[in-house]
Amino acid sequence: MKFTIVGKNIDVTEGLRNAVEEKIGKLEKYFTEDTEVHVTLSVEKDRQKIEVTIPVRGNIIRSEQVSNDMYVSIDLVEEIIERQLKKYKTKITDRQQDGGYFKKEFLEKDFMDDEEIKIIRSKKFDIKPMYPEDACVQMELLGHSFYVFCNAETDQVNVVYKRKGNTYGLIEPEI
């Protein structure tokens, strides 16, 4: 695996670099040697954050973890990515896709589906056209973190969502 480690508001010390390469390096059993791993370490007040991005053919394996200790964040992110890889592997083999950067042994190994995705509730509701700002207000009134609506300007289904720092995001389909 090829690591690119950068720091924001933090010097990437040899100890941090070694911790990242050792922990994330455990994932080497899943990937080929030429797989690129992008790691960003950042510090904001008491928040020690690590972001790991691994581009794999047509998709991105990504995780971001925050704690008050960078080494704890590194441990957490490795566990999350390993869990994602097992789910992604199932998706590849189910669709009989090319494994790309994954080792053949990983793709052939069976994992127990201990975290099978199950939809436990389905909901239907009327969608009325509204502007994104109105959708944000409606989302706040409902106390949700996202809201699906029909955009009055484009007549397409959009999603507004709450971001960190009391800001909002808008997801629009690209056709």
N, C-alpha and C. Protein backbone atom coordinates (compact mmCIF):
# COMPACT_ATOMS: atom_id res chain seq x y z
N MET A 1 0.85 -1.18 0.00
CA MET A 1 0.00 0.00 0.00
C MET A 1 0.89 1.23 0.00
N LYS A 2 0.44 2.24 -0.71
CA LYS A 2 1.19 3.49 -0.80
C LYS A 2 0.46 4.55 0.02
N PHE A 3 1.10 5.05 1.06
CA PHE A 3 0.48 6.01 1.97
C PHE A 3 0.84 7.44 1.60
N THR A 4 -0.17 8.31 1.63
CA THR A 4 0.03 9.74 1.54
C THR A 4 -0.58 10.31 2.82
N ILE A 5 0.28 10.79 3.72
CA ILE A 5 -0.19 11.27 5.02
C ILE A 5 0.09 12.76 5.12
N VAL A 6 -0.97 13.54 5.35
CA VAL A 6 -0.82 14.98 5.50
C VAL A 6 -1.46 15.42 6.82
N GLY A 7 -1.01 16.57 7.32
CA GLY A 7 -1.56 17.09 8.56
C GLY A 7 -2.12 18.48 8.38
N LYS A 8 -3.23 18.75 9.06
CA LYS A 8 -3.81 20.10 9.10
C LYS A 8 -3.78 20.54 10.55
N ASN A 9 -3.10 21.62 10.82
CA ASN A 9 -2.92 22.14 12.18
C ASN A 9 -2.21 21.14 13.08
N ILE A 10 -1.42 20.26 12.49
CA ILE A 10 -0.67 19.27 13.25
C ILE A 10 0.55 18.86 12.45
N ASP A 11 1.67 18.69 13.13
CA ASP A 11 2.86 18.15 12.48
C ASP A 11 2.76 16.64 12.50
N VAL A 12 2.96 16.03 11.36
CA VAL A 12 2.90 14.58 11.28
C VAL A 12 4.25 14.05 11.75
N THR A 13 4.29 13.67 13.02
CA THR A 13 5.54 13.18 13.62
C THR A 13 5.80 11.76 13.14
N GLU A 14 7.02 11.30 13.38
CA GLU A 14 7.38 9.93 13.00
C GLU A 14 6.51 8.93 13.75
N GLY A 15 6.18 9.22 15.00
CA GLY A 15 5.32 8.34 15.80
C GLY A 15 3.92 8.23 15.21
N LEU A 16 3.35 9.36 14.80
CA LEU A 16 2.02 9.35 14.17
C LEU A 16 2.06 8.61 12.84
N ARG A 17 3.10 8.89 12.06
CA ARG A 17 3.24 8.24 10.75
C ARG A 17 3.32 6.72 10.94
N ASN A 18 4.15 6.29 11.91
CA ASN A 18 4.29 4.85 12.17
C ASN A 18 2.98 4.24 12.65
N ALA A 19 2.25 4.95 13.52
CA ALA A 19 0.97 4.45 14.03
C ALA A 19 -0.03 4.27 12.89
N VAL A 20 -0.10 5.26 11.99
CA VAL A 20 -1.02 5.18 10.85
C VAL A 20 -0.64 4.02 9.94
N GLU A 21 0.65 3.95 9.59
CA GLU A 21 1.09 2.90 8.67
C GLU A 21 0.93 1.51 9.28
N GLU A 22 1.13 1.41 10.60
CA GLU A 22 0.97 0.11 11.26
C GLU A 22 -0.50 -0.30 11.32
N LYS A 23 -1.38 0.61 11.78
CA LYS A 23 -2.79 0.28 11.92
C LYS A 23 -3.47 0.09 10.57
N ILE A 24 -3.35 1.09 9.70
CA ILE A 24 -3.99 1.00 8.39
C ILE A 24 -3.28 -0.07 7.54
N GLY A 25 -2.00 -0.30 7.83
CA GLY A 25 -1.24 -1.33 7.13
C GLY A 25 -1.80 -2.72 7.36
N LYS A 26 -2.55 -2.90 8.45
CA LYS A 26 -3.20 -4.20 8.70
C LYS A 26 -4.20 -4.54 7.60
N LEU A 27 -4.67 -3.50 6.91
CA LEU A 27 -5.63 -3.71 5.82
C LEU A 27 -4.94 -4.18 4.55
N GLU A 28 -3.60 -4.25 4.59
CA GLU A 28 -2.83 -4.66 3.43
C GLU A 28 -3.22 -6.06 2.94
N LYS A 29 -3.74 -6.87 3.86
CA LYS A 29 -4.14 -8.23 3.48
C LYS A 29 -5.30 -8.22 2.49
N TYR A 30 -5.99 -7.09 2.37
CA TYR A 30 -7.14 -6.99 1.46
C TYR A 30 -6.77 -6.39 0.11
N PHE A 31 -5.69 -5.62 0.05
CA PHE A 31 -5.38 -4.83 -1.13
C PHE A 31 -4.09 -5.29 -1.81
N THR A 32 -3.96 -4.89 -3.08
CA THR A 32 -2.72 -5.12 -3.81
C THR A 32 -1.70 -4.07 -3.37
N GLU A 33 -0.44 -4.28 -3.74
CA GLU A 33 0.64 -3.40 -3.31
C GLU A 33 0.51 -1.97 -3.83
N ASP A 34 -0.07 -1.79 -5.01
CA ASP A 34 -0.14 -0.45 -5.61
C ASP A 34 -1.37 0.35 -5.19
N THR A 35 -2.11 -0.11 -4.18
CA THR A 35 -3.28 0.61 -3.70
C THR A 35 -2.83 1.87 -2.96
N GLU A 36 -3.45 3.00 -3.31
CA GLU A 36 -3.12 4.27 -2.66
C GLU A 36 -4.05 4.51 -1.47
N VAL A 37 -3.47 5.00 -0.39
CA VAL A 37 -4.23 5.33 0.81
C VAL A 37 -3.93 6.78 1.16
N HIS A 38 -4.97 7.61 1.19
CA HIS A 38 -4.81 9.02 1.52
C HIS A 38 -5.28 9.24 2.96
N VAL A 39 -4.40 9.76 3.79
CA VAL A 39 -4.71 9.97 5.20
C VAL A 39 -4.50 11.43 5.53
N THR A 40 -5.51 12.04 6.17
CA THR A 40 -5.39 13.42 6.63
C THR A 40 -5.62 13.43 8.13
N LEU A 41 -4.65 13.95 8.86
CA LEU A 41 -4.75 14.11 10.31
C LEU A 41 -4.99 15.59 10.57
N SER A 42 -5.95 15.90 11.43
CA SER A 42 -6.21 17.31 11.73
C SER A 42 -6.58 17.48 13.19
N VAL A 43 -6.33 18.69 13.69
CA VAL A 43 -6.64 19.03 15.08
C VAL A 43 -7.40 20.34 15.10
N GLU A 44 -8.55 20.33 15.80
CA GLU A 44 -9.33 21.55 16.04
C GLU A 44 -9.72 21.53 17.51
N LYS A 45 -9.14 22.37 18.30
CA LYS A 45 -9.36 22.41 19.75
C LYS A 45 -9.06 21.03 20.33
N ASP A 46 -10.05 20.36 20.94
CA ASP A 46 -9.82 19.03 21.53
C ASP A 46 -10.17 17.91 20.57
N ARG A 47 -10.48 18.25 19.32
CA ARG A 47 -10.89 17.24 18.35
C ARG A 47 -9.68 16.76 17.54
N GLN A 48 -9.35 15.49 17.70
CA GLN A 48 -8.26 14.87 16.95
C GLN A 48 -8.92 14.02 15.87
N LYS A 49 -8.80 14.43 14.62
CA LYS A 49 -9.55 13.78 13.55
C LYS A 49 -8.62 13.13 12.54
N ILE A 50 -9.03 11.94 12.09
CA ILE A 50 -8.32 11.26 11.01
C ILE A 50 -9.33 10.95 9.91
N GLU A 51 -8.94 11.22 8.68
CA GLU A 51 -9.75 10.91 7.51
C GLU A 51 -8.93 9.98 6.63
N VAL A 52 -9.50 8.84 6.27
CA VAL A 52 -8.81 7.88 5.42
C VAL A 52 -9.65 7.66 4.17
N THR A 53 -9.02 7.80 3.00
CA THR A 53 -9.70 7.59 1.73
C THR A 53 -8.89 6.60 0.91
N ILE A 54 -9.57 5.55 0.45
CA ILE A 54 -8.92 4.54 -0.39
C ILE A 54 -9.73 4.41 -1.67
N PRO A 55 -9.24 5.00 -2.78
CA PRO A 55 -9.97 4.86 -4.03
C PRO A 55 -9.80 3.45 -4.60
N VAL A 56 -10.93 2.80 -4.88
CA VAL A 56 -10.92 1.48 -5.51
C VAL A 56 -11.83 1.54 -6.72
N ARG A 57 -11.49 0.86 -7.74
CA ARG A 57 -12.18 0.88 -9.02
C ARG A 57 -13.65 1.28 -8.95
N GLY A 58 -13.95 2.53 -9.28
CA GLY A 58 -15.32 2.99 -9.36
C GLY A 58 -15.94 3.42 -8.04
N ASN A 59 -15.27 3.18 -6.92
CA ASN A 59 -15.81 3.53 -5.61
C ASN A 59 -14.72 4.10 -4.72
N ILE A 60 -15.13 4.54 -3.56
CA ILE A 60 -14.18 5.06 -2.58
C ILE A 60 -14.51 4.44 -1.24
N ILE A 61 -13.51 3.88 -0.60
CA ILE A 61 -13.66 3.40 0.78
C ILE A 61 -13.17 4.58 1.63
N ARG A 62 -14.04 5.09 2.51
CA ARG A 62 -13.69 6.29 3.27
C ARG A 62 -14.23 6.20 4.67
N SER A 63 -13.43 6.70 5.61
CA SER A 63 -13.90 6.80 6.98
C SER A 63 -13.24 7.99 7.64
N GLU A 64 -13.95 8.56 8.59
CA GLU A 64 -13.48 9.72 9.32
C GLU A 64 -13.84 9.47 10.79
N GLN A 65 -12.87 9.61 11.67
CA GLN A 65 -13.10 9.38 13.09
C GLN A 65 -12.52 10.53 13.90
N VAL A 66 -13.23 10.89 14.96
CA VAL A 66 -12.83 12.00 15.82
C VAL A 66 -12.84 11.52 17.26
N SER A 67 -11.80 11.91 18.01
CA SER A 67 -11.76 11.66 19.45
C SER A 67 -10.87 12.73 20.06
N ASN A 68 -10.60 12.61 21.35
CA ASN A 68 -9.71 13.59 21.97
C ASN A 68 -8.26 13.09 21.98
N ASP A 69 -8.00 11.94 21.35
CA ASP A 69 -6.66 11.38 21.25
C ASP A 69 -6.47 10.84 19.83
N MET A 70 -5.44 11.30 19.14
CA MET A 70 -5.23 10.92 17.74
C MET A 70 -5.02 9.41 17.61
N TYR A 71 -4.34 8.79 18.56
CA TYR A 71 -4.09 7.36 18.47
C TYR A 71 -5.39 6.55 18.60
N VAL A 72 -6.32 7.04 19.42
CA VAL A 72 -7.63 6.40 19.53
C VAL A 72 -8.38 6.53 18.21
N SER A 73 -8.32 7.72 17.61
CA SER A 73 -8.97 7.95 16.31
C SER A 73 -8.42 7.00 15.25
N ILE A 74 -7.11 6.78 15.28
CA ILE A 74 -6.47 5.89 14.31
C ILE A 74 -6.99 4.46 14.49
N ASP A 75 -7.09 4.02 15.75
CA ASP A 75 -7.62 2.68 16.03
C ASP A 75 -9.05 2.53 15.52
N LEU A 76 -9.88 3.53 15.79
CA LEU A 76 -11.28 3.49 15.40
C LEU A 76 -11.45 3.43 13.89
N VAL A 77 -10.69 4.24 13.18
CA VAL A 77 -10.85 4.32 11.72
C VAL A 77 -10.48 2.99 11.06
N GLU A 78 -9.49 2.30 11.59
CA GLU A 78 -9.09 1.02 11.02
C GLU A 78 -10.22 -0.01 11.15
N GLU A 79 -10.88 -0.03 12.30
CA GLU A 79 -11.99 -0.97 12.52
C GLU A 79 -13.15 -0.70 11.57
N ILE A 80 -13.48 0.58 11.39
CA ILE A 80 -14.59 0.97 10.53
C ILE A 80 -14.30 0.58 9.08
N ILE A 81 -13.09 0.85 8.62
CA ILE A 81 -12.75 0.53 7.23
C ILE A 81 -12.79 -0.98 7.00
N GLU A 82 -12.32 -1.74 7.96
CA GLU A 82 -12.35 -3.19 7.80
C GLU A 82 -13.79 -3.69 7.68
N ARG A 83 -14.68 -3.12 8.46
CA ARG A 83 -16.10 -3.49 8.38
C ARG A 83 -16.67 -3.11 7.00
N GLN A 84 -16.30 -1.92 6.52
CA GLN A 84 -16.78 -1.48 5.20
C GLN A 84 -16.28 -2.42 4.09
N LEU A 85 -15.04 -2.86 4.22
CA LEU A 85 -14.45 -3.73 3.20
C LEU A 85 -15.21 -5.05 3.09
N LYS A 86 -15.62 -5.59 4.22
CA LYS A 86 -16.36 -6.85 4.20
C LYS A 86 -17.71 -6.68 3.50
N LYS A 87 -18.36 -5.53 3.74
CA LYS A 87 -19.63 -5.26 3.07
C LYS A 87 -19.41 -5.05 1.57
N TYR A 88 -18.36 -4.31 1.23
CA TYR A 88 -18.06 -4.00 -0.16
C TYR A 88 -17.70 -5.27 -0.92
N LYS A 89 -16.99 -6.18 -0.27
CA LYS A 89 -16.60 -7.45 -0.88
C LYS A 89 -17.84 -8.23 -1.28
N THR A 90 -18.84 -8.26 -0.41
CA THR A 90 -20.09 -8.96 -0.69
C THR A 90 -20.75 -8.35 -1.92
N LYS A 91 -20.72 -7.04 -2.01
CA LYS A 91 -21.32 -6.34 -3.15
C LYS A 91 -20.61 -6.72 -4.46
N ILE A 92 -19.29 -6.78 -4.42
CA ILE A 92 -18.52 -7.11 -5.62
C ILE A 92 -18.83 -8.53 -6.07
N THR A 93 -18.81 -9.48 -5.13
CA THR A 93 -19.02 -10.88 -5.52
C THR A 93 -20.47 -11.13 -5.93
N ASP A 94 -21.43 -10.44 -5.30
CA ASP A 94 -22.82 -10.60 -5.70
C ASP A 94 -23.04 -10.14 -7.13
N ARG A 95 -22.37 -9.09 -7.52
CA ARG A 95 -22.55 -8.55 -8.87
C ARG A 95 -21.51 -9.10 -9.85
N GLN A 96 -20.65 -9.97 -9.38
CA GLN A 96 -19.60 -10.58 -10.18
C GLN A 96 -18.76 -9.54 -10.91
N GLN A 97 -18.36 -8.52 -10.13
CA GLN A 97 -17.54 -7.45 -10.69
C GLN A 97 -16.07 -7.79 -10.56
N ASP A 98 -15.25 -7.05 -11.29
CA ASP A 98 -13.80 -7.17 -11.18
C ASP A 98 -13.38 -6.57 -9.84
N GLY A 99 -12.50 -7.24 -9.14
CA GLY A 99 -12.08 -6.80 -7.81
C GLY A 99 -11.13 -5.63 -7.80
N GLY A 100 -10.55 -5.28 -8.94
CA GLY A 100 -9.68 -4.11 -8.99
C GLY A 100 -8.47 -4.23 -8.09
N TYR A 101 -8.39 -3.40 -7.05
CA TYR A 101 -7.24 -3.34 -6.18
C TYR A 101 -7.28 -4.37 -5.05
N PHE A 102 -8.28 -5.21 -5.01
CA PHE A 102 -8.38 -6.19 -3.94
C PHE A 102 -7.62 -7.46 -4.28
N LYS A 103 -7.02 -8.06 -3.26
CA LYS A 103 -6.32 -9.32 -3.44
C LYS A 103 -7.33 -10.43 -3.73
N LYS A 104 -6.92 -11.38 -4.53
CA LYS A 104 -7.79 -12.49 -4.93
C LYS A 104 -8.25 -13.29 -3.71
N GLU A 105 -7.36 -13.48 -2.73
CA GLU A 105 -7.69 -14.25 -1.53
C GLU A 105 -8.84 -13.59 -0.76
N PHE A 106 -8.82 -12.26 -0.70
CA PHE A 106 -9.87 -11.52 0.02
C PHE A 106 -11.22 -11.72 -0.65
N LEU A 107 -11.25 -11.66 -1.96
CA LEU A 107 -12.50 -11.78 -2.69
C LEU A 107 -13.07 -13.20 -2.63
N GLU A 108 -12.19 -14.20 -2.53
CA GLU A 108 -12.64 -15.58 -2.50
C GLU A 108 -13.06 -16.04 -1.10
N LYS A 109 -12.60 -15.35 -0.06
CA LYS A 109 -12.89 -15.74 1.32
C LYS A 109 -14.33 -15.36 1.68
N ASP A 110 -15.03 -16.26 2.35
CA ASP A 110 -16.39 -15.99 2.80
C ASP A 110 -16.37 -15.36 4.17
N PHE A 111 -17.12 -14.29 4.36
CA PHE A 111 -17.28 -13.66 5.65
C PHE A 111 -18.71 -13.87 6.09
N MET A 112 -18.88 -14.08 7.37
CA MET A 112 -20.25 -14.17 7.87
C MET A 112 -20.86 -12.79 7.79
N ASP A 113 -22.06 -12.73 7.34
CA ASP A 113 -22.74 -11.45 7.17
C ASP A 113 -23.36 -11.03 8.49
N ASP A 114 -22.46 -10.69 9.48
CA ASP A 114 -22.93 -10.35 10.81
C ASP A 114 -23.62 -9.00 10.88
N GLU A 115 -23.39 -8.18 9.88
CA GLU A 115 -24.02 -6.87 9.88
C GLU A 115 -24.84 -6.68 8.61
N GLU A 116 -25.70 -7.64 8.34
CA GLU A 116 -26.55 -7.59 7.16
C GLU A 116 -27.46 -6.38 7.25
N ILE A 117 -27.63 -5.70 6.15
CA ILE A 117 -28.48 -4.52 6.12
C ILE A 117 -29.93 -4.97 6.05
N LYS A 118 -30.74 -4.48 6.98
CA LYS A 118 -32.15 -4.83 7.01
C LYS A 118 -32.96 -3.55 7.11
N ILE A 119 -33.91 -3.40 6.22
CA ILE A 119 -34.82 -2.26 6.28
C ILE A 119 -35.97 -2.69 7.18
N ILE A 120 -36.14 -1.99 8.30
CA ILE A 120 -37.16 -2.39 9.27
C ILE A 120 -38.41 -1.53 9.22
N ARG A 121 -38.34 -0.44 8.44
CA ARG A 121 -39.50 0.43 8.35
C ARG A 121 -39.52 1.11 6.99
N SER A 122 -40.69 1.21 6.42
CA SER A 122 -40.86 1.89 5.14
C SER A 122 -41.91 2.98 5.34
N LYS A 123 -41.71 4.11 4.70
CA LYS A 123 -42.61 5.23 4.90
C LYS A 123 -42.97 5.84 3.56
N LYS A 124 -44.22 6.23 3.39
CA LYS A 124 -44.67 6.92 2.17
C LYS A 124 -45.29 8.25 2.60
N PHE A 125 -45.05 9.26 1.78
CA PHE A 125 -45.62 10.57 2.09
C PHE A 125 -45.76 11.37 0.80
N ASP A 126 -46.66 12.35 0.85
CA ASP A 126 -46.85 13.24 -0.29
C ASP A 126 -45.70 14.22 -0.37
N ILE A 127 -45.24 14.43 -1.59
CA ILE A 127 -44.19 15.43 -1.80
C ILE A 127 -44.81 16.61 -2.51
N LYS A 128 -44.71 17.78 -1.88
CA LYS A 128 -45.21 18.97 -2.54
C LYS A 128 -44.02 19.85 -2.91
N PRO A 129 -44.10 20.54 -4.04
CA PRO A 129 -42.99 21.40 -4.45
C PRO A 129 -42.73 22.51 -3.44
N MET A 130 -41.44 22.73 -3.14
CA MET A 130 -41.04 23.82 -2.24
C MET A 130 -39.61 24.20 -2.56
N TYR A 131 -39.20 25.35 -2.06
CA TYR A 131 -37.85 25.84 -2.26
C TYR A 131 -36.94 25.24 -1.19
N PRO A 132 -35.63 25.10 -1.49
CA PRO A 132 -34.71 24.49 -0.53
C PRO A 132 -34.74 25.15 0.86
N GLU A 133 -34.88 26.46 0.90
CA GLU A 133 -34.92 27.16 2.19
C GLU A 133 -36.15 26.74 2.99
N ASP A 134 -37.29 26.58 2.30
CA ASP A 134 -38.51 26.13 2.98
C ASP A 134 -38.35 24.69 3.47
N ALA A 135 -37.64 23.88 2.70
CA ALA A 135 -37.40 22.50 3.10
C ALA A 135 -36.54 22.45 4.37
N CYS A 136 -35.58 23.37 4.48
CA CYS A 136 -34.74 23.45 5.69
C CYS A 136 -35.60 23.79 6.91
N VAL A 137 -36.51 24.72 6.73
CA VAL A 137 -37.41 25.11 7.83
C VAL A 137 -38.28 23.91 8.22
N GLN A 138 -38.82 23.21 7.23
CA GLN A 138 -39.66 22.04 7.50
C GLN A 138 -38.86 20.95 8.23
N MET A 139 -37.61 20.75 7.81
CA MET A 139 -36.74 19.76 8.44
C MET A 139 -36.54 20.11 9.92
N GLU A 140 -36.29 21.39 10.20
CA GLU A 140 -36.10 21.84 11.58
C GLU A 140 -37.36 21.64 12.40
N LEU A 141 -38.51 21.94 11.80
CA LEU A 141 -39.78 21.78 12.51
C LEU A 141 -40.03 20.31 12.89
N LEU A 142 -39.60 19.40 12.02
CA LEU A 142 -39.78 17.98 12.28
C LEU A 142 -38.71 17.40 13.21
N GLY A 143 -37.60 18.15 13.35
CA GLY A 143 -36.51 17.69 14.20
C GLY A 143 -35.67 16.60 13.55
N HIS A 144 -35.67 16.56 12.22
CA HIS A 144 -34.89 15.56 11.49
C HIS A 144 -33.54 16.13 11.08
N SER A 145 -32.63 15.24 10.65
CA SER A 145 -31.33 15.69 10.18
C SER A 145 -31.28 15.79 8.65
N PHE A 146 -32.34 15.35 7.98
CA PHE A 146 -32.44 15.50 6.53
C PHE A 146 -33.92 15.60 6.16
N TYR A 147 -34.18 16.05 4.93
CA TYR A 147 -35.57 16.19 4.48
C TYR A 147 -35.61 16.02 2.96
N VAL A 148 -36.47 15.14 2.48
CA VAL A 148 -36.65 14.88 1.05
C VAL A 148 -37.81 15.72 0.55
N PHE A 149 -37.61 16.41 -0.58
CA PHE A 149 -38.66 17.28 -1.11
C PHE A 149 -38.53 17.42 -2.61
N CYS A 150 -39.58 17.94 -3.23
CA CYS A 150 -39.57 18.24 -4.66
C CYS A 150 -39.19 19.71 -4.80
N ASN A 151 -38.08 19.98 -5.47
CA ASN A 151 -37.59 21.35 -5.64
C ASN A 151 -38.52 22.10 -6.59
N ALA A 152 -39.10 23.22 -6.13
CA ALA A 152 -40.04 24.01 -6.93
C ALA A 152 -39.35 24.65 -8.14
N GLU A 153 -38.04 24.87 -8.05
CA GLU A 153 -37.31 25.50 -9.15
C GLU A 153 -36.98 24.51 -10.27
N THR A 154 -36.63 23.26 -9.89
CA THR A 154 -36.17 22.29 -10.89
C THR A 154 -37.16 21.15 -11.11
N ASP A 155 -38.16 21.03 -10.24
CA ASP A 155 -39.16 19.96 -10.31
C ASP A 155 -38.53 18.57 -10.17
N GLN A 156 -37.41 18.51 -9.42
CA GLN A 156 -36.73 17.24 -9.17
C GLN A 156 -36.71 16.96 -7.67
N VAL A 157 -36.57 15.69 -7.33
CA VAL A 157 -36.48 15.31 -5.92
C VAL A 157 -35.09 15.70 -5.42
N ASN A 158 -35.03 16.43 -4.30
CA ASN A 158 -33.79 16.88 -3.67
C ASN A 158 -33.81 16.48 -2.20
N VAL A 159 -32.67 16.60 -1.58
CA VAL A 159 -32.55 16.35 -0.14
C VAL A 159 -31.77 17.50 0.48
N VAL A 160 -32.31 18.05 1.56
CA VAL A 160 -31.53 19.01 2.36
C VAL A 160 -31.12 18.26 3.62
N TYR A 161 -29.94 18.61 4.15
CA TYR A 161 -29.47 17.93 5.34
C TYR A 161 -28.71 18.92 6.23
N LYS A 162 -28.68 18.60 7.50
CA LYS A 162 -28.02 19.45 8.48
C LYS A 162 -26.55 19.07 8.54
N ARG A 163 -25.70 20.09 8.50
CA ARG A 163 -24.26 19.89 8.56
C ARG A 163 -23.74 20.38 9.90
N LYS A 164 -22.48 20.12 10.15
CA LYS A 164 -21.86 20.61 11.38
C LYS A 164 -21.84 22.13 11.34
N GLY A 165 -21.89 22.77 12.50
CA GLY A 165 -21.81 24.22 12.55
C GLY A 165 -23.12 24.90 12.19
N ASN A 166 -24.25 24.19 12.35
CA ASN A 166 -25.57 24.75 12.04
C ASN A 166 -25.67 25.30 10.63
N THR A 167 -25.10 24.56 9.69
CA THR A 167 -25.24 24.91 8.27
C THR A 167 -26.04 23.79 7.60
N TYR A 168 -26.41 24.01 6.35
CA TYR A 168 -27.24 23.05 5.64
C TYR A 168 -26.59 22.68 4.32
N GLY A 169 -26.91 21.49 3.84
CA GLY A 169 -26.44 21.03 2.54
C GLY A 169 -27.63 20.68 1.67
N LEU A 170 -27.43 20.69 0.37
CA LEU A 170 -28.47 20.35 -0.60
C LEU A 170 -27.92 19.30 -1.54
N ILE A 171 -28.66 18.21 -1.70
CA ILE A 171 -28.28 17.16 -2.64
C ILE A 171 -29.26 17.20 -3.80
N GLU A 172 -28.70 17.39 -5.00
CA GLU A 172 -29.51 17.46 -6.22
C GLU A 172 -29.05 16.37 -7.18
N PRO A 173 -29.96 15.74 -7.89
CA PRO A 173 -29.53 14.72 -8.86
C PRO A 173 -28.85 15.38 -10.04
N GLU A 174 -27.83 14.69 -10.57
CA GLU A 174 -27.14 15.19 -11.75
C GLU A 174 -27.52 14.28 -12.91
N ILE A 175 -28.26 14.83 -13.84
CA ILE A 175 -28.75 14.01 -14.96
C ILE A 175 -28.09 14.42 -16.24
